[in-house]
Amino acid sequence: VQLQASGGGSVQAGGSLRLSCRASGRTGVMGWFRQAPGKEREFVAAISWNGGTGVAGDFVKGRFTISRDNSENTVYLQMNGLIPEDTAIYYCAARSRATVIGRTVRQYDVWGQGTQVTVSS
């Protein structure tokens, strides 16, 4: 399966963006990660195969919501209340061989190309 992320852009602090990740086929657990310049890739959010369970990183604090539409093979990340610290490249990823939600980079074996999110103050 291949993943295509989109929806990034430049917004001012307090703004919103919705990222999309379209898969070329059916997927199981899906996640979003981000990587800022000079920093390691970090977990943002993940969702179970049926959308019944979603988890997020501590820094999200209710600002982001992950969802999916399996009829469209697409996962979304709605980001509200963006702050400059959210500036990063956002990557979607899939766990092709597991059904348990993971929070680490190494647990995901399929990655999209990334989409840039820039938040200005």
Protein backbone atom coordinates (compact mmCIF):
# COMPACT_ATOMS: atom_id res chain seq x y z
CA VAL A 1 0.00 0.00 0.00
CA GLN A 2 1.12 3.57 -0.66
CA LEU A 3 0.18 6.67 1.33
CA GLN A 4 -0.31 10.20 0.02
CA ALA A 5 -0.50 13.02 2.56
CA SER A 6 -1.93 16.43 1.76
CA GLY A 7 -3.52 19.46 3.36
CA GLY A 8 -0.51 21.20 4.85
CA GLY A 9 0.03 24.92 4.53
CA SER A 10 0.81 28.14 6.33
CA VAL A 11 -1.52 29.56 8.95
CA GLN A 12 -1.38 32.06 11.76
CA ALA A 13 -1.43 31.01 15.39
CA GLY A 14 -4.90 29.98 16.44
CA GLY A 15 -5.79 28.79 12.96
CA SER A 16 -6.83 25.36 11.73
CA LEU A 17 -5.79 22.87 9.11
CA ARG A 18 -7.08 19.46 8.09
CA LEU A 19 -4.54 16.98 6.86
CA SER A 20 -5.56 14.03 4.72
CA CYS A 21 -3.79 10.78 4.05
CA ARG A 22 -5.14 8.70 1.21
CA ALA A 23 -4.07 5.08 0.93
CA SER A 24 -3.90 3.10 -2.27
CA GLY A 25 -5.69 0.23 -0.56
CA ARG A 26 -7.16 -0.94 2.71
CA THR A 27 -5.15 -0.21 5.80
CA GLY A 28 -5.22 -1.15 9.46
CA VAL A 29 -3.87 1.08 12.21
CA MET A 30 -2.97 4.51 10.89
CA GLY A 31 -0.95 7.21 12.54
CA TRP A 32 0.33 10.74 12.14
CA PHE A 33 3.82 11.81 13.13
CA ARG A 34 5.65 15.08 12.77
CA GLN A 35 9.23 16.20 12.51
CA ALA A 36 10.49 19.70 13.12
CA PRO A 37 13.93 20.84 11.92
CA GLY A 38 16.66 19.41 14.10
CA LYS A 39 14.27 17.25 16.09
CA GLU A 40 13.31 13.61 16.08
CA ARG A 41 10.09 12.44 14.52
CA GLU A 42 7.38 12.38 17.16
CA PHE A 43 4.01 10.75 17.54
CA VAL A 44 0.95 12.93 16.98
CA ALA A 45 -2.06 10.63 16.83
CA ALA A 46 -3.22 7.20 15.72
CA ILE A 47 -6.49 5.44 15.02
CA SER A 48 -7.62 1.83 14.95
CA TRP A 49 -8.64 0.10 11.74
CA ASN A 50 -12.35 0.72 12.30
CA GLY A 51 -12.00 4.21 13.75
CA GLY A 52 -13.29 3.09 17.10
CA THR A 53 -10.18 4.03 19.04
CA GLY A 54 -8.02 7.09 18.70
CA VAL A 55 -5.05 8.21 20.74
CA ALA A 56 -2.91 11.33 20.67
CA GLY A 57 0.35 12.63 21.99
CA ASP A 58 0.35 14.54 25.26
CA PHE A 59 1.13 17.84 23.57
CA VAL A 60 -2.09 17.68 21.54
CA LYS A 61 -4.21 18.58 24.57
CA GLY A 62 -7.49 18.14 22.72
CA ARG A 63 -6.56 20.42 19.83
CA PHE A 64 -6.24 17.70 17.18
CA THR A 65 -8.71 15.02 16.15
CA ILE A 66 -7.91 11.95 14.09
CA SER A 67 -10.60 10.24 12.06
CA ARG A 68 -10.93 7.96 9.06
CA ASP A 69 -13.24 7.12 6.22
CA ASN A 70 -12.58 3.56 5.17
CA SER A 71 -14.86 3.88 2.15
CA GLU A 72 -12.33 6.41 0.85
CA ASN A 73 -9.23 4.74 2.35
CA THR A 74 -8.48 8.11 3.92
CA VAL A 75 -7.38 9.23 7.37
CA TYR A 76 -7.74 12.80 8.53
CA LEU A 77 -6.05 14.95 11.14
CA GLN A 78 -8.09 17.99 12.10
CA MET A 79 -5.83 20.50 13.81
CA ASN A 80 -7.30 23.43 15.66
CA GLY A 81 -5.69 26.03 17.87
CA LEU A 82 -2.39 25.76 16.06
CA ILE A 83 0.66 27.30 17.68
CA PRO A 84 4.11 28.04 16.23
CA GLU A 85 5.49 24.95 17.99
CA ASP A 86 3.29 22.83 15.73
CA THR A 87 5.42 23.82 12.74
CA ALA A 88 6.82 20.63 11.23
CA ILE A 89 6.53 18.18 8.40
CA TYR A 90 3.62 15.88 9.12
CA TYR A 91 3.78 12.27 8.01
CA CYS A 92 1.08 9.65 7.88
CA ALA A 93 1.98 6.03 8.45
CA ALA A 94 0.42 2.60 8.56
CA ARG A 95 0.98 -0.59 10.50
CA SER A 96 0.55 -3.23 7.82
CA ARG A 97 1.10 -6.24 10.09
CA ALA A 98 -0.49 -5.31 13.40
CA THR A 99 -3.86 -4.36 14.78
CA VAL A 100 -2.69 -2.68 17.98
CA ILE A 101 -2.26 1.08 17.97
CA GLY A 102 1.38 2.09 18.24
CA ARG A 103 3.02 5.32 19.35
CA THR A 104 6.55 4.83 18.10
CA VAL A 105 8.11 5.36 14.69
CA ARG A 106 9.49 1.83 14.48
CA GLN A 107 6.03 0.31 14.88
CA TYR A 108 4.95 1.70 11.50
CA ASP A 109 6.28 0.18 8.28
CA VAL A 110 4.55 2.20 5.58
CA TRP A 111 5.08 5.97 5.32
CA GLY A 112 3.72 8.79 3.22
CA GLN A 113 5.86 11.58 1.82
CA GLY A 114 4.98 14.25 4.37
CA THR A 115 3.21 17.58 4.19
CA GLN A 116 4.57 20.85 5.58
CA VAL A 117 2.68 22.74 8.27
CA THR A 118 3.90 26.21 9.15
CA VAL A 119 2.33 28.25 11.94
CA SER A 120 3.32 31.87 12.34
CA SER A 121 2.88 33.98 15.46
